[in-house]
Protein backbone atom coordinates (compact mmCIF):
# COMPACT_ATOMS: atom_id res chain seq x y z
CA MET A 1 13.76 -2.14 67.57
CA GLU A 2 10.31 -0.71 66.82
CA GLY A 3 10.13 -2.89 63.70
CA ILE A 4 10.74 -6.02 65.77
CA ARG A 5 7.96 -5.05 68.21
CA ILE A 6 5.53 -4.61 65.34
CA LEU A 7 6.51 -8.02 63.90
CA VAL A 8 6.01 -9.71 67.28
CA LEU A 9 2.65 -7.99 67.72
CA TRP A 10 1.49 -9.18 64.29
CA ALA A 11 2.73 -12.70 65.05
CA LEU A 12 0.38 -12.77 68.03
CA ILE A 13 -2.61 -11.03 66.47
CA LEU A 14 -2.65 -12.69 63.05
CA PRO A 15 -3.53 -16.24 64.20
CA ALA A 16 -6.45 -14.93 66.24
CA ALA A 17 -7.68 -12.81 63.34
CA VAL A 18 -7.39 -15.73 60.92
CA CYS A 19 -9.45 -17.91 63.23
CA LEU A 20 -12.18 -15.26 63.49
CA SER A 21 -12.37 -15.11 59.70
CA LYS A 22 -13.94 -17.82 57.56
CA GLU A 23 -10.60 -19.62 57.21
CA PRO A 24 -9.93 -22.59 59.52
CA CYS A 25 -8.08 -21.83 62.74
CA LEU A 26 -4.31 -22.11 62.57
CA GLU A 27 -4.30 -25.23 64.74
CA ARG A 28 -6.91 -27.13 62.72
CA ARG A 29 -4.47 -29.32 60.85
CA PRO A 30 -4.72 -33.14 60.94
CA TYR A 31 -0.93 -33.51 61.26
CA LEU A 32 -1.23 -31.89 64.71
CA ALA A 33 -3.61 -34.63 65.90
CA GLU A 34 -0.99 -36.06 68.28
CA HIS A 35 -1.54 -32.97 70.47
CA GLN A 36 -5.32 -32.78 69.93
CA ASP A 37 -6.69 -36.24 70.80
CA ALA A 38 -9.98 -35.41 72.54
CA TRP A 39 -10.75 -38.97 73.70
CA LYS A 40 -7.29 -39.39 75.23
CA LEU A 41 -7.72 -36.02 76.94
CA LEU A 42 -11.15 -36.90 78.36
CA ASN A 43 -9.71 -40.09 79.86
CA VAL A 44 -7.03 -38.34 81.93
CA PRO A 45 -8.04 -38.90 85.57
CA GLY A 46 -8.29 -36.04 88.02
CA ARG A 47 -9.37 -32.44 88.10
CA TYR A 48 -8.53 -29.57 85.76
CA HIS A 49 -8.91 -25.89 86.64
CA LEU A 50 -9.77 -23.14 84.19
CA PHE A 51 -6.64 -21.00 84.43
CA MET A 52 -7.36 -18.28 81.88
CA ARG A 53 -9.37 -17.46 78.79
CA SER A 54 -9.01 -15.10 75.84
CA TYR A 55 -12.42 -13.47 76.32
CA GLU A 56 -13.71 -11.40 79.22
CA LYS A 57 -17.43 -12.11 79.61
CA GLU A 58 -18.59 -15.65 80.35
CA PRO A 59 -22.38 -15.96 80.69
CA PHE A 60 -22.22 -19.54 82.02
CA TYR A 61 -19.70 -19.03 84.87
CA LYS A 62 -20.17 -15.26 85.16
CA ASN A 63 -17.52 -13.95 87.60
CA LYS A 64 -17.01 -17.27 89.40
CA LYS A 65 -13.58 -18.47 90.40
CA CYS A 66 -12.03 -21.89 90.92
CA VAL A 67 -13.84 -23.27 87.86
CA PHE A 68 -13.06 -26.97 87.49
CA ASN A 69 -13.83 -30.08 85.48
CA GLU A 70 -13.24 -33.49 87.07
CA LEU A 71 -13.49 -36.92 85.48
CA VAL A 72 -15.95 -39.12 87.40
CA SER A 73 -16.27 -42.15 85.12
CA VAL A 74 -15.66 -43.42 81.58
CA ASN A 75 -18.19 -45.40 79.57
CA ALA A 76 -15.79 -47.09 77.17
CA GLU A 77 -18.59 -49.06 75.52
CA GLU A 78 -20.70 -46.04 74.52
CA LEU A 79 -17.68 -43.69 74.34
CA TYR A 80 -18.59 -40.91 76.73
CA THR A 81 -17.38 -39.62 80.07
CA VAL A 82 -19.24 -38.40 83.14
CA ASN A 83 -17.68 -35.31 84.68
CA LEU A 84 -18.28 -33.01 87.60
CA ILE A 85 -18.03 -29.32 86.76
CA GLY A 86 -18.11 -26.62 89.38
CA ALA A 87 -17.09 -23.18 90.52
CA THR A 88 -17.03 -20.88 93.54
CA ASP A 89 -18.81 -17.54 93.79
CA PRO A 90 -16.25 -15.07 95.20
CA THR A 91 -18.95 -12.79 96.63
CA ASP A 92 -20.28 -15.31 99.16
CA GLY A 93 -18.02 -18.38 98.83
CA SER A 94 -20.88 -20.62 97.71
CA ARG A 95 -19.98 -23.52 95.45
CA SER A 96 -22.00 -24.86 92.57
CA ASN A 97 -21.50 -28.31 91.05
CA GLN A 98 -23.27 -30.21 88.31
CA THR A 99 -22.85 -33.33 86.23
CA ASP A 100 -21.64 -32.99 82.66
CA TYR A 101 -21.37 -35.60 79.92
CA ALA A 102 -18.79 -35.53 77.15
CA TRP A 103 -18.43 -37.28 73.80
CA VAL A 104 -15.93 -36.75 71.02
CA ARG A 105 -15.97 -36.42 67.26
CA ALA A 106 -13.32 -36.02 64.58
CA SER A 107 -13.13 -33.00 62.31
CA LYS A 108 -12.89 -33.66 58.59
CA GLY A 109 -9.57 -35.31 57.73
CA TYR A 110 -8.56 -36.02 61.34
CA PRO A 111 -7.26 -39.51 62.23
CA VAL A 112 -8.48 -39.13 65.84
CA PRO A 113 -11.39 -37.31 67.49
CA ASN A 114 -10.30 -33.71 68.12
CA VAL A 115 -13.56 -32.10 69.28
CA ILE A 116 -15.18 -32.50 72.70
CA GLN A 117 -18.98 -32.41 72.71
CA SER A 118 -20.36 -31.47 76.11
CA SER A 119 -23.92 -31.66 77.44
CA LEU A 120 -25.57 -31.31 80.83
CA THR A 121 -27.91 -34.17 79.89
CA LEU A 122 -27.17 -37.71 78.76
CA ASP A 123 -29.77 -37.42 75.99
CA ARG A 124 -27.66 -34.68 74.32
CA LYS A 125 -30.56 -32.23 74.00
CA LYS A 126 -28.09 -29.35 73.88
CA ILE A 127 -24.45 -29.91 72.95
CA VAL A 128 -21.63 -27.39 73.13
CA GLU A 129 -18.45 -28.17 71.18
CA PHE A 130 -14.87 -27.48 72.24
CA PRO A 131 -12.21 -28.24 69.61
CA VAL A 132 -8.91 -29.23 71.23
CA ALA A 133 -6.36 -26.69 70.04
CA PHE A 134 -3.43 -28.17 71.98
CA THR A 135 -2.81 -30.43 74.94
CA GLU A 136 0.09 -31.90 76.85
CA TYR A 137 -2.45 -34.26 78.51
CA ASP A 138 -0.86 -34.29 81.99
CA ASN A 139 -0.22 -30.53 82.36
CA CYS A 140 -2.41 -28.24 80.29
CA GLU A 141 -5.02 -28.12 77.60
CA ILE A 142 -6.13 -25.31 75.31
CA LEU A 143 -9.68 -25.51 74.07
CA ARG A 144 -11.34 -23.41 71.39
CA VAL A 145 -14.68 -21.95 72.40
CA PRO A 146 -16.63 -21.40 69.15
CA HIS A 147 -19.69 -20.12 71.03
CA ARG A 148 -17.53 -17.31 72.49
CA LYS A 149 -16.37 -15.85 69.15
CA ASN A 150 -13.79 -18.64 68.78
CA GLY A 151 -12.08 -17.66 72.00
CA CYS A 152 -9.78 -19.98 73.93
CA GLU A 153 -9.58 -21.45 77.41
CA LEU A 154 -6.40 -22.72 79.07
CA TRP A 155 -7.10 -25.50 81.57
CA VAL A 156 -4.43 -26.86 83.91
CA LYS A 157 -4.26 -30.14 85.82
CA GLN A 158 -4.78 -29.74 89.56
CA GLY A 159 -1.43 -29.55 91.30
CA GLN A 160 0.23 -28.12 88.19
CA GLU A 161 -1.13 -24.56 88.55
CA ASN A 162 2.32 -23.20 89.44
CA LYS A 163 4.11 -25.55 87.03
CA ILE A 164 2.40 -24.75 83.73
CA GLU A 165 4.79 -25.55 80.92
CA PRO A 166 6.08 -22.46 79.07
CA LEU A 167 5.03 -24.20 75.85
CA CYS A 168 1.39 -24.00 76.99
CA PHE A 169 1.58 -20.23 77.44
CA PHE A 170 3.43 -19.83 74.15
CA VAL A 171 0.82 -21.82 72.22
CA PHE A 172 -2.03 -20.00 73.98
CA HIS A 173 -0.65 -16.60 73.00
CA LEU A 174 0.19 -17.75 69.48
CA LEU A 175 -3.23 -19.26 68.77
CA CYS A 176 -5.48 -17.10 70.90
CA GLY A 177 -4.02 -13.62 70.63
CA PRO A 178 -2.77 -11.23 73.30
CA SER A 179 -6.00 -10.89 75.34
CA LYS A 180 -6.05 -12.95 78.51
CA TYR A 181 -8.31 -13.01 81.52
CA VAL A 182 -7.00 -15.05 84.44
CA VAL A 183 -9.77 -16.96 86.20
CA TYR A 184 -7.71 -19.08 88.59
CA ASP A 185 -6.62 -17.37 91.82
CA PRO A 186 -4.24 -19.67 93.75
CA ASP A 187 -4.71 -17.84 97.05
CA TYR A 188 -8.49 -18.07 96.84
CA CYS A 189 -8.82 -21.48 95.18
CA ASN A 190 -6.47 -23.56 97.33
CA GLY A 191 -8.67 -25.84 99.36
CA LYS A 192 -11.81 -25.02 97.35
């Protein structure tokens, strides 16, 4: 029994360790592109909530809750989206919102764009990249966060917070390791 526990533990830790090394992350394989299409993902209408992440400290959001990303419009000609991102400060209930722009690019060998490029300005002065590790498009998405030591974020479509597919959690734990920090609080975030 102890041997099985050790095997399971290594099965969860190894993919995260491999991704932190110089080797490509486990999910960075062009044959997985069907579940990593960044442009298709950006075009899904509605709001997504940050449900959990694999790292504790987030300098951008800090300790905010109810973090969301909502599609506002799609510029199909120039291939970018306009999004509203926001969060609620649990200490005083204040909300912060700002406009975000997103483009996509394909990693080497990919048949579709699999990386989201995000910027707070349309002129792309500063871009942050989020490779799509896995998505079910209408339920959940798992994004890599290279600027947070290759951590992961699990985002869930609004209204699906209590219906997250088990596959999403399985893939998150497989790719991102055992650490998880839940950001979404259904009692606090409902109505926010």
